[in-house]
Amino acid sequence: MPKGAYSKVEVVLMDVRTGIIRFTSMATETETAAKDSKDFDVYETTVNTQQQATRKALAKVARDLVGFLDTAK
């Protein structure tokens, strides 16, 4: 039976000299996976699925942040 997970990541870039928030980004990603032959049990499947969703969300906010920093030169 497939297991589902979601992850929500928020990034805030603040100028600590002024306290002004220069950039924010938020991403919510979902992932589903069935038990793999490499997984020891259903708990391991669930944890792996959560990690995959988190990786996808982190990758999205990282791309957003890099795009912001490229334009802020």
C-alpha atoms as a PDB file:
ATOM      1  CA  MET A   1       0.000   0.000   0.000  1.00  0.00           C
ATOM      2  CA  PRO A   2       1.468   3.398  -0.987  1.00  0.00           C
ATOM      3  CA  LYS A   3       2.405   5.788   1.799  1.00  0.00           C
ATOM      4  CA  GLY A   4       2.034   9.538   1.405  1.00  0.00           C
ATOM      5  CA  ALA A   5       3.883  12.428   2.989  1.00  0.00           C
ATOM      6  CA  TYR A   6       4.093  16.158   2.606  1.00  0.00           C
ATOM      7  CA  SER A   7       6.640  18.750   3.601  1.00  0.00           C
ATOM      8  CA  LYS A   8       6.330  22.497   3.968  1.00  0.00           C
ATOM      9  CA  VAL A   9       9.495  24.636   3.896  1.00  0.00           C
ATOM     10  CA  GLU A  10       9.746  28.396   4.371  1.00  0.00           C
ATOM     11  CA  VAL A  11      12.866  30.513   3.837  1.00  0.00           C
ATOM     12  CA  VAL A  12      13.348  34.046   5.109  1.00  0.00           C
ATOM     13  CA  LEU A  13      16.367  36.170   4.210  1.00  0.00           C
ATOM     14  CA  MET A  14      16.782  39.087   6.601  1.00  0.00           C
ATOM     15  CA  ASP A  15      19.344  41.860   6.574  1.00  0.00           C
ATOM     16  CA  VAL A  16      20.507  41.691  10.195  1.00  0.00           C
ATOM     17  CA  ARG A  17      21.916  45.215  10.048  1.00  0.00           C
ATOM     18  CA  THR A  18      18.525  46.780   9.355  1.00  0.00           C
ATOM     19  CA  GLY A  19      16.088  44.047  10.333  1.00  0.00           C
ATOM     20  CA  ILE A  20      14.463  44.261   6.895  1.00  0.00           C
ATOM     21  CA  ILE A  21      13.250  41.014   5.369  1.00  0.00           C
ATOM     22  CA  ARG A  22      14.593  41.000   1.822  1.00  0.00           C
ATOM     23  CA  PHE A  23      13.197  37.706   0.565  1.00  0.00           C
ATOM     24  CA  THR A  24      10.763  34.954   1.499  1.00  0.00           C
ATOM     25  CA  SER A  25       9.795  31.747  -0.217  1.00  0.00           C
ATOM     26  CA  MET A  26       7.543  28.874   0.735  1.00  0.00           C
ATOM     27  CA  ALA A  27       7.116  25.454  -0.837  1.00  0.00           C
ATOM     28  CA  THR A  28       4.833  22.534  -0.070  1.00  0.00           C
ATOM     29  CA  GLU A  29       5.598  19.231  -1.732  1.00  0.00           C
ATOM     30  CA  THR A  30       3.921  15.846  -1.573  1.00  0.00           C
ATOM     31  CA  GLU A  31       5.329  12.424  -2.259  1.00  0.00           C
ATOM     32  CA  THR A  32       3.880   8.927  -2.340  1.00  0.00           C
ATOM     33  CA  ALA A  33       5.773   5.668  -2.375  1.00  0.00           C
ATOM     34  CA  ALA A  34       5.118   1.986  -1.942  1.00  0.00           C
ATOM     35  CA  LYS A  35       7.276  -0.257   0.230  1.00  0.00           C
ATOM     36  CA  ASP A  36      10.508  -0.982  -1.596  1.00  0.00           C
ATOM     37  CA  SER A  37      12.428  -4.241  -1.313  1.00  0.00           C
ATOM     38  CA  LYS A  38      15.282  -2.221   0.263  1.00  0.00           C
ATOM     39  CA  ASP A  39      12.985  -0.941   3.039  1.00  0.00           C
ATOM     40  CA  PHE A  40      13.150  -2.922   6.256  1.00  0.00           C
ATOM     41  CA  ASP A  41       9.568  -2.137   7.282  1.00  0.00           C
ATOM     42  CA  VAL A  42       6.685   0.293   6.696  1.00  0.00           C
ATOM     43  CA  TYR A  43       8.223   2.831   9.097  1.00  0.00           C
ATOM     44  CA  GLU A  44      11.334   3.025   6.937  1.00  0.00           C
ATOM     45  CA  THR A  45       9.156   3.507   3.851  1.00  0.00           C
ATOM     46  CA  THR A  46       7.336   6.358   5.606  1.00  0.00           C
ATOM     47  CA  VAL A  47      10.570   8.058   6.675  1.00  0.00           C
ATOM     48  CA  ASN A  48      12.045   7.764   3.175  1.00  0.00           C
ATOM     49  CA  THR A  49       8.875   9.231   1.683  1.00  0.00           C
ATOM     50  CA  GLN A  50       8.999  12.174   4.122  1.00  0.00           C
ATOM     51  CA  GLN A  51      12.648  12.793   3.255  1.00  0.00           C
ATOM     52  CA  GLN A  52      11.883  12.788  -0.472  1.00  0.00           C
ATOM     53  CA  ALA A  53       9.111  15.365   0.012  1.00  0.00           C
ATOM     54  CA  THR A  54      11.442  17.533   2.123  1.00  0.00           C
ATOM     55  CA  ARG A  55      14.236  17.318  -0.479  1.00  0.00           C
ATOM     56  CA  LYS A  56      11.832  18.468  -3.207  1.00  0.00           C
ATOM     57  CA  ALA A  57      10.598  21.410  -1.106  1.00  0.00           C
ATOM     58  CA  LEU A  58      14.140  22.445  -0.132  1.00  0.00           C
ATOM     59  CA  ALA A  59      15.239  22.296  -3.769  1.00  0.00           C
ATOM     60  CA  LYS A  60      12.387  24.601  -4.785  1.00  0.00           C
ATOM     61  CA  VAL A  61      13.096  27.287  -2.180  1.00  0.00           C
ATOM     62  CA  ALA A  62      16.830  27.015  -2.926  1.00  0.00           C
ATOM     63  CA  ARG A  63      16.156  27.715  -6.628  1.00  0.00           C
ATOM     64  CA  ASP A  64      13.980  30.685  -5.630  1.00  0.00           C
ATOM     65  CA  LEU A  65      16.694  32.048  -3.325  1.00  0.00           C
ATOM     66  CA  VAL A  66      19.426  31.657  -5.958  1.00  0.00           C
ATOM     67  CA  GLY A  67      17.215  33.471  -8.460  1.00  0.00           C
ATOM     68  CA  PHE A  68      16.707  36.328  -5.995  1.00  0.00           C
ATOM     69  CA  LEU A  69      20.415  36.582  -5.214  1.00  0.00           C
ATOM     70  CA  ASP A  70      21.270  36.598  -8.936  1.00  0.00           C
ATOM     71  CA  THR A  71      19.022  39.623  -9.497  1.00  0.00           C
ATOM     72  CA  ALA A  72      20.186  41.455  -6.337  1.00  0.00           C
ATOM     73  CA  LYS A  73      23.743  42.070  -7.564  1.00  0.00           C
END
